[in-house]
Amino acid sequence: MEKSYILIVDRNVGNLSQTAETIVGMRVKSIEISAHTVAQKAIDMMKVQKFALIITNVEIPGMSGFELIEKARELGQDCPVIFQASIVSNSLLHRAKEINATCVSSMGTVNELTDPIKKYLKLNN
């Protein structure tokens, strides 16, 4: 089985850890997680690694999550995107939908995050 690389970007180390732990808790084989609190470090990783999924907070140090995804696309990262935000407004949902991304509440249930991960990584577990 080919390894899937997931990039997680969040300014809050606690949220970053919780998201990573949620993915690890899914017990998916062949996944490697790269987690960063600063946009530039995530961009540096995107230059050397192709990701199967990017999960980012809307607000991160250095640029917005949307700007990060714009940069990701420029670097050839055409993978699915999940935005996390503490408050998911209609305008945020609309903006995410415009770039074919999913938006979930960082305060929501575990399934709000795991369901799109399963969908994007085509998991059946």
PDB file of N, CA and C in Angstrom:
ATOM      1  N   MET A   1       0.835  -1.183   0.000  1.00  0.00           N
ATOM      2  CA  MET A   1       0.000   0.000   0.000  1.00  0.00           C
ATOM      3  C   MET A   1       0.881   1.249   0.000  1.00  0.00           C
ATOM      4  N   GLU A   2       0.552   2.181  -0.850  1.00  0.00           N
ATOM      5  CA  GLU A   2       1.309   3.409  -0.961  1.00  0.00           C
ATOM      6  C   GLU A   2       1.017   4.326   0.219  1.00  0.00           C
ATOM      7  N   LYS A   3       2.029   5.005   0.700  1.00  0.00           N
ATOM      8  CA  LYS A   3       1.882   5.896   1.847  1.00  0.00           C
ATOM      9  C   LYS A   3       1.178   7.183   1.429  1.00  0.00           C
ATOM     10  N   SER A   4       0.248   7.657   2.273  1.00  0.00           N
ATOM     11  CA  SER A   4      -0.433   8.931   2.064  1.00  0.00           C
ATOM     12  C   SER A   4       0.131   9.952   3.043  1.00  0.00           C
ATOM     13  N   TYR A   5       0.483  11.106   2.527  1.00  0.00           N
ATOM     14  CA  TYR A   5       1.037  12.166   3.356  1.00  0.00           C
ATOM     15  C   TYR A   5      -0.039  13.213   3.615  1.00  0.00           C
ATOM     16  N   ILE A   6      -0.191  13.579   4.879  1.00  0.00           N
ATOM     17  CA  ILE A   6      -1.175  14.581   5.277  1.00  0.00           C
ATOM     18  C   ILE A   6      -0.442  15.755   5.904  1.00  0.00           C
ATOM     19  N   LEU A   7      -0.783  16.958   5.454  1.00  0.00           N
ATOM     20  CA  LEU A   7      -0.210  18.179   5.999  1.00  0.00           C
ATOM     21  C   LEU A   7      -1.263  18.846   6.885  1.00  0.00           C
ATOM     22  N   ILE A   8      -0.870  19.147   8.123  1.00  0.00           N
ATOM     23  CA  ILE A   8      -1.751  19.851   9.052  1.00  0.00           C
ATOM     24  C   ILE A   8      -1.078  21.164   9.428  1.00  0.00           C
ATOM     25  N   VAL A   9      -1.837  22.271   9.307  1.00  0.00           N
ATOM     26  CA  VAL A   9      -1.299  23.582   9.657  1.00  0.00           C
ATOM     27  C   VAL A   9      -2.296  24.276  10.585  1.00  0.00           C
ATOM     28  N   ASP A  10      -1.838  24.647  11.766  1.00  0.00           N
ATOM     29  CA  ASP A  10      -2.685  25.330  12.741  1.00  0.00           C
ATOM     30  C   ASP A  10      -1.806  26.154  13.658  1.00  0.00           C
ATOM     31  N   ARG A  11      -2.221  27.352  13.960  1.00  0.00           N
ATOM     32  CA  ARG A  11      -1.423  28.231  14.821  1.00  0.00           C
ATOM     33  C   ARG A  11      -1.408  27.760  16.271  1.00  0.00           C
ATOM     34  N   ASN A  12      -2.404  26.971  16.644  1.00  0.00           N
ATOM     35  CA  ASN A  12      -2.550  26.508  18.012  1.00  0.00           C
ATOM     36  C   ASN A  12      -1.982  25.095  18.135  1.00  0.00           C
ATOM     37  N   VAL A  13      -0.947  24.940  18.935  1.00  0.00           N
ATOM     38  CA  VAL A  13      -0.280  23.644  19.079  1.00  0.00           C
ATOM     39  C   VAL A  13      -1.247  22.591  19.617  1.00  0.00           C
ATOM     40  N   GLY A  14      -2.143  22.984  20.509  1.00  0.00           N
ATOM     41  CA  GLY A  14      -3.127  22.041  21.045  1.00  0.00           C
ATOM     42  C   GLY A  14      -4.051  21.512  19.963  1.00  0.00           C
ATOM     43  N   ASN A  15      -4.545  22.413  19.107  1.00  0.00           N
ATOM     44  CA  ASN A  15      -5.402  21.987  17.995  1.00  0.00           C
ATOM     45  C   ASN A  15      -4.636  21.111  17.020  1.00  0.00           C
ATOM     46  N   LEU A  16      -3.386  21.487  16.774  1.00  0.00           N
ATOM     47  CA  LEU A  16      -2.524  20.718  15.875  1.00  0.00           C
ATOM     48  C   LEU A  16      -2.373  19.284  16.387  1.00  0.00           C
ATOM     49  N   SER A  17      -2.073  19.161  17.671  1.00  0.00           N
ATOM     50  CA  SER A  17      -1.910  17.842  18.284  1.00  0.00           C
ATOM     51  C   SER A  17      -3.213  17.052  18.270  1.00  0.00           C
ATOM     52  N   GLN A  18      -4.320  17.729  18.575  1.00  0.00           N
ATOM     53  CA  GLN A  18      -5.613  17.057  18.598  1.00  0.00           C
ATOM     54  C   GLN A  18      -5.994  16.533  17.212  1.00  0.00           C
ATOM     55  N   THR A  19      -5.746  17.325  16.180  1.00  0.00           N
ATOM     56  CA  THR A  19      -6.042  16.887  14.822  1.00  0.00           C
ATOM     57  C   THR A  19      -5.179  15.685  14.445  1.00  0.00           C
ATOM     58  N   ALA A  20      -3.895  15.764  14.748  1.00  0.00           N
ATOM     59  CA  ALA A  20      -2.990  14.648  14.455  1.00  0.00           C
ATOM     60  C   ALA A  20      -3.406  13.395  15.224  1.00  0.00           C
ATOM     61  N   GLU A  21      -3.758  13.551  16.499  1.00  0.00           N
ATOM     62  CA  GLU A  21      -4.182  12.405  17.309  1.00  0.00           C
ATOM     63  C   GLU A  21      -5.475  11.795  16.773  1.00  0.00           C
ATOM     64  N   THR A  22      -6.373  12.637  16.268  1.00  0.00           N
ATOM     65  CA  THR A  22      -7.618  12.141  15.678  1.00  0.00           C
ATOM     66  C   THR A  22      -7.310  11.255  14.479  1.00  0.00           C
ATOM     67  N   ILE A  23      -6.385  11.707  13.641  1.00  0.00           N
ATOM     68  CA  ILE A  23      -6.013  10.925  12.458  1.00  0.00           C
ATOM     69  C   ILE A  23      -5.336   9.624  12.871  1.00  0.00           C
ATOM     70  N   VAL A  24      -4.418   9.700  13.821  1.00  0.00           N
ATOM     71  CA  VAL A  24      -3.738   8.499  14.313  1.00  0.00           C
ATOM     72  C   VAL A  24      -4.767   7.543  14.924  1.00  0.00           C
ATOM     73  N   GLY A  25      -5.758   8.086  15.623  1.00  0.00           N
ATOM     74  CA  GLY A  25      -6.802   7.270  16.239  1.00  0.00           C
ATOM     75  C   GLY A  25      -7.682   6.548  15.238  1.00  0.00           C
ATOM     76  N   MET A  26      -7.666   7.008  13.989  1.00  0.00           N
ATOM     77  CA  MET A  26      -8.438   6.329  12.939  1.00  0.00           C
ATOM     78  C   MET A  26      -7.784   5.008  12.550  1.00  0.00           C
ATOM     79  N   ARG A  27      -6.560   4.784  13.016  1.00  0.00           N
ATOM     80  CA  ARG A  27      -5.814   3.548  12.770  1.00  0.00           C
ATOM     81  C   ARG A  27      -5.653   3.238  11.275  1.00  0.00           C
ATOM     82  N   VAL A  28      -5.366   4.275  10.547  1.00  0.00           N
ATOM     83  CA  VAL A  28      -5.154   4.120   9.113  1.00  0.00           C
ATOM     84  C   VAL A  28      -3.692   3.761   8.883  1.00  0.00           C
ATOM     85  N   LYS A  29      -3.473   2.739   8.085  1.00  0.00           N
ATOM     86  CA  LYS A  29      -2.101   2.334   7.782  1.00  0.00           C
ATOM     87  C   LYS A  29      -1.553   3.198   6.660  1.00  0.00           C
ATOM     88  N   SER A  30      -0.267   3.317   6.638  1.00  0.00           N
ATOM     89  CA  SER A  30       0.447   4.011   5.565  1.00  0.00           C
ATOM     90  C   SER A  30       0.116   5.491   5.463  1.00  0.00           C
ATOM     91  N   ILE A  31       0.034   6.142   6.604  1.00  0.00           N
ATOM     92  CA  ILE A  31      -0.161   7.597   6.622  1.00  0.00           C
ATOM     93  C   ILE A  31       1.009   8.227   7.358  1.00  0.00           C
ATOM     94  N   GLU A  32       1.511   9.309   6.804  1.00  0.00           N
ATOM     95  CA  GLU A  32       2.530  10.094   7.487  1.00  0.00           C
ATOM     96  C   GLU A  32       2.004  11.509   7.620  1.00  0.00           C
ATOM     97  N   ILE A  33       2.116  12.062   8.825  1.00  0.00           N
ATOM     98  CA  ILE A  33       1.597  13.399   9.111  1.00  0.00           C
ATOM     99  C   ILE A  33       2.748  14.375   9.261  1.00  0.00           C
ATOM    100  N   SER A  34       2.608  15.512   8.589  1.00  0.00           N
ATOM    101  CA  SER A  34       3.542  16.622   8.741  1.00  0.00           C
ATOM    102  C   SER A  34       2.742  17.777   9.345  1.00  0.00           C
ATOM    103  N   ALA A  35       3.108  18.214  10.541  1.00  0.00           N
ATOM    104  CA  ALA A  35       2.326  19.227  11.254  1.00  0.00           C
ATOM    105  C   ALA A  35       3.164  20.472  11.521  1.00  0.00           C
ATOM    106  N   HIS A  36       2.556  21.638  11.244  1.00  0.00           N
ATOM    107  CA  HIS A  36       3.285  22.900  11.391  1.00  0.00           C
ATOM    108  C   HIS A  36       2.379  23.998  11.945  1.00  0.00           C
ATOM    109  N   THR A  37       2.985  24.915  12.696  1.00  0.00           N
ATOM    110  CA  THR A  37       2.249  26.048  13.259  1.00  0.00           C
ATOM    111  C   THR A  37       2.461  27.330  12.465  1.00  0.00           C
ATOM    112  N   VAL A  38       3.352  27.308  11.503  1.00  0.00           N
ATOM    113  CA  VAL A  38       3.689  28.499  10.713  1.00  0.00           C
ATOM    114  C   VAL A  38       3.552  28.170   9.230  1.00  0.00           C
ATOM    115  N   ALA A  39       2.919  29.070   8.485  1.00  0.00           N
ATOM    116  CA  ALA A  39       2.654  28.844   7.061  1.00  0.00           C
ATOM    117  C   ALA A  39       3.928  28.576   6.259  1.00  0.00           C
ATOM    118  N   GLN A  40       4.982  29.337   6.501  1.00  0.00           N
ATOM    119  CA  GLN A  40       6.194  29.192   5.695  1.00  0.00           C
ATOM    120  C   GLN A  40       6.801  27.796   5.823  1.00  0.00           C
ATOM    121  N   LYS A  41       6.744  27.220   7.015  1.00  0.00           N
ATOM    122  CA  LYS A  41       7.279  25.858   7.181  1.00  0.00           C
ATOM    123  C   LYS A  41       6.440  24.859   6.399  1.00  0.00           C
ATOM    124  N   ALA A  42       5.135  25.088   6.364  1.00  0.00           N
ATOM    125  CA  ALA A  42       4.256  24.218   5.572  1.00  0.00           C
ATOM    126  C   ALA A  42       4.573  24.356   4.085  1.00  0.00           C
ATOM    127  N   ILE A  43       4.800  25.579   3.643  1.00  0.00           N
ATOM    128  CA  ILE A  43       5.149  25.829   2.236  1.00  0.00           C
ATOM    129  C   ILE A  43       6.469  25.136   1.893  1.00  0.00           C
ATOM    130  N   ASP A  44       7.433  25.219   2.789  1.00  0.00           N
ATOM    131  CA  ASP A  44       8.713  24.546   2.561  1.00  0.00           C
ATOM    132  C   ASP A  44       8.516  23.038   2.394  1.00  0.00           C
ATOM    133  N   MET A  45       7.617  22.446   3.183  1.00  0.00           N
ATOM    134  CA  MET A  45       7.325  21.014   3.052  1.00  0.00           C
ATOM    135  C   MET A  45       6.653  20.707   1.721  1.00  0.00           C
ATOM    136  N   MET A  46       5.759  21.607   1.294  1.00  0.00           N
ATOM    137  CA  MET A  46       5.056  21.386   0.026  1.00  0.00           C
ATOM    138  C   MET A  46       5.998  21.404  -1.168  1.00  0.00           C
ATOM    139  N   LYS A  47       7.130  22.050  -1.014  1.00  0.00           N
ATOM    140  CA  LYS A  47       8.111  22.105  -2.103  1.00  0.00           C
ATOM    141  C   LYS A  47       8.810  20.762  -2.310  1.00  0.00           C
ATOM    142  N   VAL A  48       8.819  19.919  -1.272  1.00  0.00           N
ATOM    143  CA  VAL A  48       9.556  18.658  -1.363  1.00  0.00           C
ATOM    144  C   VAL A  48       8.678  17.409  -1.224  1.00  0.00           C
ATOM    145  N   GLN A  49       7.413  17.590  -0.834  1.00  0.00           N
ATOM    146  CA  GLN A  49       6.536  16.437  -0.615  1.00  0.00           C
ATOM    147  C   GLN A  49       5.163  16.677  -1.229  1.00  0.00           C
ATOM    148  N   LYS A  50       4.663  15.691  -1.925  1.00  0.00           N
ATOM    149  CA  LYS A  50       3.306  15.730  -2.485  1.00  0.00           C
ATOM    150  C   LYS A  50       2.352  15.206  -1.412  1.00  0.00           C
ATOM    151  N   PHE A  51       1.291  15.977  -1.124  1.00  0.00           N
ATOM    152  CA  PHE A  51       0.355  15.594  -0.069  1.00  0.00           C
ATOM    153  C   PHE A  51      -0.944  15.053  -0.641  1.00  0.00           C
ATOM    154  N   ALA A  52      -1.528  14.089   0.080  1.00  0.00           N
ATOM    155  CA  ALA A  52      -2.817  13.509  -0.289  1.00  0.00           C
ATOM    156  C   ALA A  52      -3.963  14.335   0.280  1.00  0.00           C
ATOM    157  N   LEU A  53      -3.663  15.136   1.330  1.00  0.00           N
ATOM    158  CA  LEU A  53      -4.678  15.928   2.008  1.00  0.00           C
ATOM    159  C   LEU A  53      -3.999  17.043   2.786  1.00  0.00           C
ATOM    160  N   ILE A  54      -4.614  18.227   2.760  1.00  0.00           N
ATOM    161  CA  ILE A  54      -4.150  19.340   3.585  1.00  0.00           C
ATOM    162  C   ILE A  54      -5.289  19.731   4.505  1.00  0.00           C
ATOM    163  N   ILE A  55      -4.974  19.809   5.793  1.00  0.00           N
ATOM    164  CA  ILE A  55      -5.927  20.290   6.801  1.00  0.00           C
ATOM    165  C   ILE A  55      -5.309  21.536   7.404  1.00  0.00           C
ATOM    166  N   THR A  56      -6.000  22.662   7.281  1.00  0.00           N
ATOM    167  CA  THR A  56      -5.442  23.916   7.778  1.00  0.00           C
ATOM    168  C   THR A  56      -6.496  24.743   8.485  1.00  0.00           C
ATOM    169  N   ASN A  57      -6.039  25.485   9.457  1.00  0.00           N
ATOM    170  CA  ASN A  57      -6.900  26.467  10.099  1.00  0.00           C
ATOM    171  C   ASN A  57      -7.034  27.642   9.149  1.00  0.00           C
ATOM    172  N   VAL A  58      -8.100  28.358   9.257  1.00  0.00           N
ATOM    173  CA  VAL A  58      -8.310  29.525   8.408  1.00  0.00           C
ATOM    174  C   VAL A  58      -7.319  30.625   8.771  1.00  0.00           C
ATOM    175  N   GLU A  59      -7.007  30.740  10.059  1.00  0.00           N
ATOM    176  CA  GLU A  59      -6.078  31.777  10.518  1.00  0.00           C
ATOM    177  C   GLU A  59      -4.788  31.118  11.004  1.00  0.00           C
ATOM    178  N   ILE A  60      -3.701  31.391  10.283  1.00  0.00           N
ATOM    179  CA  ILE A  60      -2.394  30.861  10.657  1.00  0.00           C
ATOM    180  C   ILE A  60      -1.358  31.967  10.552  1.00  0.00           C
ATOM    181  N   PRO A  61      -0.277  31.888  11.320  1.00  0.00           N
ATOM    182  CA  PRO A  61       0.758  32.916  11.255  1.00  0.00           C
ATOM    183  C   PRO A  61       1.404  32.991   9.870  1.00  0.00           C
ATOM    184  N   GLY A  62       1.490  34.187   9.344  1.00  0.00           N
ATOM    185  CA  GLY A  62       2.164  34.410   8.070  1.00  0.00           C
ATOM    186  C   GLY A  62       1.233  34.646   6.910  1.00  0.00           C
ATOM    187  N   MET A  63       0.035  34.052   6.947  1.00  0.00           N
ATOM    188  CA  MET A  63      -0.956  34.238   5.883  1.00  0.00           C
ATOM    189  C   MET A  63      -2.247  33.538   6.298  1.00  0.00           C
ATOM    190  N   SER A  64      -3.291  33.760   5.548  1.00  0.00           N
ATOM    191  CA  SER A  64      -4.539  33.057   5.855  1.00  0.00           C
ATOM    192  C   SER A  64      -4.469  31.635   5.302  1.00  0.00           C
ATOM    193  N   GLY A  65      -5.340  30.786   5.776  1.00  0.00           N
ATOM    194  CA  GLY A  65      -5.412  29.434   5.249  1.00  0.00           C
ATOM    195  C   GLY A  65      -5.718  29.432   3.761  1.00  0.00           C
ATOM    196  N   PHE A  66      -6.533  30.392   3.324  1.00  0.00           N
ATOM    197  CA  PHE A  66      -6.862  30.488   1.899  1.00  0.00           C
ATOM    198  C   PHE A  66      -5.632  30.870   1.074  1.00  0.00           C
ATOM    199  N   GLU A  67      -4.830  31.782   1.598  1.00  0.00           N
ATOM    200  CA  GLU A  67      -3.586  32.150   0.910  1.00  0.00           C
ATOM    201  C   GLU A  67      -2.624  30.963   0.862  1.00  0.00           C
ATOM    202  N   LEU A  68      -2.599  30.189   1.948  1.00  0.00           N
ATOM    203  CA  LEU A  68      -1.756  28.997   1.980  1.00  0.00           C
ATOM    204  C   LEU A  68      -2.167  28.018   0.884  1.00  0.00           C
ATOM    205  N   ILE A  69      -3.462  27.823   0.712  1.00  0.00           N
ATOM    206  CA  ILE A  69      -3.937  26.885  -0.311  1.00  0.00           C
ATOM    207  C   ILE A  69      -3.666  27.438  -1.713  1.00  0.00           C
ATOM    208  N   GLU A  70      -3.766  28.747  -1.875  1.00  0.00           N
ATOM    209  CA  GLU A  70      -3.409  29.352  -3.165  1.00  0.00           C
ATOM    210  C   GLU A  70      -1.946  29.049  -3.495  1.00  0.00           C
ATOM    211  N   LYS A  71      -1.083  29.187  -2.502  1.00  0.00           N
ATOM    212  CA  LYS A  71       0.339  28.887  -2.676  1.00  0.00           C
ATOM    213  C   LYS A  71       0.530  27.389  -2.946  1.00  0.00           C
ATOM    214  N   ALA A  72      -0.239  26.562  -2.241  1.00  0.00           N
ATOM    215  CA  ALA A  72      -0.145  25.113  -2.455  1.00  0.00           C
ATOM    216  C   ALA A  72      -0.471  24.759  -3.901  1.00  0.00           C
ATOM    217  N   ARG A  73      -1.500  25.380  -4.436  1.00  0.00           N
ATOM    218  CA  ARG A  73      -1.891  25.112  -5.830  1.00  0.00           C
ATOM    219  C   ARG A  73      -0.788  25.556  -6.787  1.00  0.00           C
ATOM    220  N   GLU A  74      -0.166  26.697  -6.502  1.00  0.00           N
ATOM    221  CA  GLU A  74       0.956  27.168  -7.326  1.00  0.00           C
ATOM    222  C   GLU A  74       2.109  26.163  -7.315  1.00  0.00           C
ATOM    223  N   LEU A  75       2.254  25.442  -6.197  1.00  0.00           N
ATOM    224  CA  LEU A  75       3.332  24.457  -6.056  1.00  0.00           C
ATOM    225  C   LEU A  75       2.923  23.074  -6.565  1.00  0.00           C
ATOM    226  N   GLY A  76       1.748  22.980  -7.167  1.00  0.00           N
ATOM    227  CA  GLY A  76       1.314  21.713  -7.742  1.00  0.00           C
ATOM    228  C   GLY A  76       0.595  20.782  -6.782  1.00  0.00           C
ATOM    229  N   GLN A  77       0.253  21.278  -5.604  1.00  0.00           N
ATOM    230  CA  GLN A  77      -0.492  20.474  -4.635  1.00  0.00           C
ATOM    231  C   GLN A  77      -1.969  20.541  -5.002  1.00  0.00           C
ATOM    232  N   ASP A  78      -2.476  19.509  -5.644  1.00  0.00           N
ATOM    233  CA  ASP A  78      -3.863  19.516  -6.098  1.00  0.00           C
ATOM    234  C   ASP A  78      -4.761  18.626  -5.237  1.00  0.00           C
ATOM    235  N   CYS A  79      -4.332  18.360  -4.030  1.00  0.00           N
ATOM    236  CA  CYS A  79      -5.046  17.475  -3.125  1.00  0.00           C
ATOM    237  C   CYS A  79      -6.265  18.157  -2.494  1.00  0.00           C
ATOM    238  N   PRO A  80      -7.154  17.363  -1.896  1.00  0.00           N
ATOM    239  CA  PRO A  80      -8.295  17.935  -1.177  1.00  0.00           C
ATOM    240  C   PRO A  80      -7.835  18.766   0.017  1.00  0.00           C
ATOM    241  N   VAL A  81      -8.712  19.680   0.426  1.00  0.00           N
ATOM    242  CA  VAL A  81      -8.413  20.590   1.535  1.00  0.00           C
ATOM    243  C   VAL A  81      -9.567  20.580   2.522  1.00  0.00           C
ATOM    244  N   ILE A  82      -9.213  20.528   3.801  1.00  0.00           N
ATOM    245  CA  ILE A  82     -10.189  20.704   4.873  1.00  0.00           C
ATOM    246  C   ILE A  82      -9.752  21.914   5.676  1.00  0.00           C
ATOM    247  N   PHE A  83     -10.626  22.930   5.724  1.00  0.00           N
ATOM    248  CA  PHE A  83     -10.384  24.094   6.570  1.00  0.00           C
ATOM    249  C   PHE A  83     -11.032  23.853   7.922  1.00  0.00           C
ATOM    250  N   GLN A  84     -10.322  24.244   8.982  1.00  0.00           N
ATOM    251  CA  GLN A  84     -10.882  24.206  10.321  1.00  0.00           C
ATOM    252  C   GLN A  84     -11.014  25.642  10.811  1.00  0.00           C
ATOM    253  N   ALA A  85     -12.129  25.931  11.454  1.00  0.00           N
ATOM    254  CA  ALA A  85     -12.348  27.259  12.017  1.00  0.00           C
ATOM    255  C   ALA A  85     -13.191  27.116  13.276  1.00  0.00           C
ATOM    256  N   SER A  86     -12.948  27.988  14.250  1.00  0.00           N
ATOM    257  CA  SER A  86     -13.742  27.915  15.476  1.00  0.00           C
ATOM    258  C   SER A  86     -15.190  28.305  15.202  1.00  0.00           C
ATOM    259  N   ILE A  87     -15.392  29.255  14.301  1.00  0.00           N
ATOM    260  CA  ILE A  87     -16.737  29.665  13.899  1.00  0.00           C
ATOM    261  C   ILE A  87     -16.843  29.483  12.388  1.00  0.00           C
ATOM    262  N   VAL A  88     -17.750  28.634  11.975  1.00  0.00           N
ATOM    263  CA  VAL A  88     -17.946  28.362  10.552  1.00  0.00           C
ATOM    264  C   VAL A  88     -19.161  29.167  10.078  1.00  0.00           C
ATOM    265  N   SER A  89     -18.878  30.300   9.461  1.00  0.00           N
ATOM    266  CA  SER A  89     -19.948  31.184   8.978  1.00  0.00           C
ATOM    267  C   SER A  89     -20.361  30.792   7.563  1.00  0.00           C
ATOM    268  N   ASN A  90     -21.495  31.329   7.127  1.00  0.00           N
ATOM    269  CA  ASN A  90     -21.949  31.078   5.763  1.00  0.00           C
ATOM    270  C   ASN A  90     -20.947  31.601   4.740  1.00  0.00           C
ATOM    271  N   SER A  91     -20.353  32.763   5.023  1.00  0.00           N
ATOM    272  CA  SER A  91     -19.378  33.315   4.076  1.00  0.00           C
ATOM    273  C   SER A  91     -18.127  32.441   3.997  1.00  0.00           C
ATOM    274  N   LEU A  92     -17.720  31.862   5.116  1.00  0.00           N
ATOM    275  CA  LEU A  92     -16.568  30.957   5.123  1.00  0.00           C
ATOM    276  C   LEU A  92     -16.894  29.678   4.346  1.00  0.00           C
ATOM    277  N   LEU A  93     -18.082  29.140   4.558  1.00  0.00           N
ATOM    278  CA  LEU A  93     -18.503  27.949   3.812  1.00  0.00           C
ATOM    279  C   LEU A  93     -18.528  28.223   2.314  1.00  0.00           C
ATOM    280  N   HIS A  94     -19.042  29.401   1.948  1.00  0.00           N
ATOM    281  CA  HIS A  94     -19.123  29.781   0.538  1.00  0.00           C
ATOM    282  C   HIS A  94     -17.722  29.910  -0.070  1.00  0.00           C
ATOM    283  N   ARG A  95     -16.844  30.574   0.652  1.00  0.00           N
ATOM    284  CA  ARG A  95     -15.474  30.773   0.152  1.00  0.00           C
ATOM    285  C   ARG A  95     -14.752  29.427  -0.004  1.00  0.00           C
ATOM    286  N   ALA A  96     -14.937  28.538   0.961  1.00  0.00           N
ATOM    287  CA  ALA A  96     -14.317  27.212   0.872  1.00  0.00           C
ATOM    288  C   ALA A  96     -14.886  26.443  -0.320  1.00  0.00           C
ATOM    289  N   LYS A  97     -16.193  26.526  -0.501  1.00  0.00           N
ATOM    290  CA  LYS A  97     -16.838  25.812  -1.608  1.00  0.00           C
ATOM    291  C   LYS A  97     -16.320  26.308  -2.956  1.00  0.00           C
ATOM    292  N   GLU A  98     -16.010  27.613  -3.053  1.00  0.00           N
ATOM    293  CA  GLU A  98     -15.490  28.184  -4.304  1.00  0.00           C
ATOM    294  C   GLU A  98     -14.191  27.520  -4.740  1.00  0.00           C
ATOM    295  N   ILE A  99     -13.409  27.049  -3.790  1.00  0.00           N
ATOM    296  CA  ILE A  99     -12.145  26.396  -4.142  1.00  0.00           C
ATOM    297  C   ILE A  99     -12.224  24.880  -3.920  1.00  0.00           C
ATOM    298  N   ASN A 100     -13.464  24.381  -3.840  1.00  0.00           N
ATOM    299  CA  ASN A 100     -13.720  22.949  -3.717  1.00  0.00           C
ATOM    300  C   ASN A 100     -13.102  22.361  -2.454  1.00  0.00           C
ATOM    301  N   ALA A 101     -13.212  23.095  -1.345  1.00  0.00           N
ATOM    302  CA  ALA A 101     -12.685  22.639  -0.060  1.00  0.00           C
ATOM    303  C   ALA A 101     -13.843  22.385   0.907  1.00  0.00           C
ATOM    304  N   THR A 102     -13.545  21.626   1.921  1.00  0.00           N
ATOM    305  CA  THR A 102     -14.494  21.358   2.990  1.00  0.00           C
ATOM    306  C   THR A 102     -14.138  22.242   4.175  1.00  0.00           C
ATOM    307  N   CYS A 103     -15.146  22.666   4.913  1.00  0.00           N
ATOM    308  CA  CYS A 103     -14.917  23.496   6.092  1.00  0.00           C
ATOM    309  C   CYS A 103     -15.612  22.847   7.278  1.00  0.00           C
ATOM    310  N   VAL A 104     -14.868  22.613   8.355  1.00  0.00           N
ATOM    311  CA  VAL A 104     -15.421  22.005   9.558  1.00  0.00           C
ATOM    312  C   VAL A 104     -15.086  22.863  10.768  1.00  0.00           C
ATOM    313  N   SER A 105     -15.883  22.703  11.799  1.00  0.00           N
ATOM    314  CA  SER A 105     -15.649  23.429  13.046  1.00  0.00           C
ATOM    315  C   SER A 105     -14.550  22.742  13.841  1.00  0.00           C
ATOM    316  N   SER A 106     -13.592  23.525  14.312  1.00  0.00           N
ATOM    317  CA  SER A 106     -12.542  22.961  15.162  1.00  0.00           C
ATOM    318  C   SER A 106     -13.104  22.646  16.547  1.00  0.00           C
ATOM    319  N   MET A 107     -14.327  23.123  16.820  1.00  0.00           N
ATOM    320  CA  MET A 107     -14.997  22.867  18.086  1.00  0.00           C
ATOM    321  C   MET A 107     -16.035  21.748  17.938  1.00  0.00           C
ATOM    322  N   GLY A 108     -16.116  21.153  16.746  1.00  0.00           N
ATOM    323  CA  GLY A 108     -17.148  20.163  16.449  1.00  0.00           C
ATOM    324  C   GLY A 108     -16.805  18.769  16.936  1.00  0.00           C
ATOM    325  N   THR A 109     -17.589  17.826  16.462  1.00  0.00           N
ATOM    326  CA  THR A 109     -17.396  16.425  16.848  1.00  0.00           C
ATOM    327  C   THR A 109     -16.235  15.822  16.060  1.00  0.00           C
ATOM    328  N   VAL A 110     -15.751  14.714  16.547  1.00  0.00           N
ATOM    329  CA  VAL A 110     -14.661  14.007  15.863  1.00  0.00           C
ATOM    330  C   VAL A 110     -15.094  13.616  14.451  1.00  0.00           C
ATOM    331  N   ASN A 111     -16.357  13.188  14.303  1.00  0.00           N
ATOM    332  CA  ASN A 111     -16.846  12.758  12.989  1.00  0.00           C
ATOM    333  C   ASN A 111     -16.837  13.889  11.966  1.00  0.00           C
ATOM    334  N   GLU A 112     -16.994  15.130  12.413  1.00  0.00           N
ATOM    335  CA  GLU A 112     -16.947  16.252  11.473  1.00  0.00           C
ATOM    336  C   GLU A 112     -15.606  16.302  10.767  1.00  0.00           C
ATOM    337  N   LEU A 113     -14.565  15.841  11.427  1.00  0.00           N
ATOM    338  CA  LEU A 113     -13.237  15.809  10.819  1.00  0.00           C
ATOM    339  C   LEU A 113     -12.952  14.460  10.162  1.00  0.00           C
ATOM    340  N   THR A 114     -13.307  13.373  10.824  1.00  0.00           N
ATOM    341  CA  THR A 114     -12.955  12.059  10.282  1.00  0.00           C
ATOM    342  C   THR A 114     -13.752  11.698   9.030  1.00  0.00           C
ATOM    343  N   ASP A 115     -14.999  12.125   8.947  1.00  0.00           N
ATOM    344  CA  ASP A 115     -15.803  11.789   7.764  1.00  0.00           C
ATOM    345  C   ASP A 115     -15.182  12.324   6.473  1.00  0.00           C
ATOM    346  N   PRO A 116     -14.816  13.626   6.408  1.00  0.00           N
ATOM    347  CA  PRO A 116     -14.170  14.074   5.163  1.00  0.00           C
ATOM    348  C   PRO A 116     -12.787  13.460   4.940  1.00  0.00           C
ATOM    349  N   ILE A 117     -12.066  13.158   6.007  1.00  0.00           N
ATOM    350  CA  ILE A 117     -10.763  12.499   5.833  1.00  0.00           C
ATOM    351  C   ILE A 117     -10.972  11.140   5.171  1.00  0.00           C
ATOM    352  N   LYS A 118     -11.934  10.372   5.671  1.00  0.00           N
ATOM    353  CA  LYS A 118     -12.228   9.061   5.076  1.00  0.00           C
ATOM    354  C   LYS A 118     -12.623   9.213   3.608  1.00  0.00           C
ATOM    355  N   LYS A 119     -13.436  10.207   3.337  1.00  0.00           N
ATOM    356  CA  LYS A 119     -13.892  10.435   1.956  1.00  0.00           C
ATOM    357  C   LYS A 119     -12.705  10.764   1.049  1.00  0.00           C
ATOM    358  N   TYR A 120     -11.888  11.709   1.469  1.00  0.00           N
ATOM    359  CA  TYR A 120     -10.790  12.156   0.623  1.00  0.00           C
ATOM    360  C   TYR A 120      -9.704  11.119   0.440  1.00  0.00           C
ATOM    361  N   LEU A 121      -9.468  10.332   1.472  1.00  0.00           N
ATOM    362  CA  LEU A 121      -8.440   9.296   1.366  1.00  0.00           C
ATOM    363  C   LEU A 121      -9.018   7.966   0.897  1.00  0.00           C
ATOM    364  N   LYS A 122     -10.329   7.980   0.595  1.00  0.00           N
ATOM    365  CA  LYS A 122     -11.038   6.801   0.094  1.00  0.00           C
ATOM    366  C   LYS A 122     -10.884   5.610   1.033  1.00  0.00           C
ATOM    367  N   LEU A 123     -11.209   5.860   2.308  1.00  0.00           N
ATOM    368  CA  LEU A 123     -11.109   4.826   3.324  1.00  0.00           C
ATOM    369  C   LEU A 123     -12.469   4.214   3.591  1.00  0.00           C
ATOM    370  N   ASN A 124     -12.471   2.962   3.927  1.00  0.00           N
ATOM    371  CA  ASN A 124     -13.721   2.273   4.234  1.00  0.00           C
ATOM    372  C   ASN A 124     -13.850   1.919   5.702  1.00  0.00           C
ATOM    373  N   ASN A 125     -12.879   2.310   6.505  1.00  0.00           N
ATOM    374  CA  ASN A 125     -12.937   1.914   7.912  1.00  0.00           C
ATOM    375  C   ASN A 125     -13.633   2.933   8.761  1.00  0.00           C
TER     376      ASN A 125
END
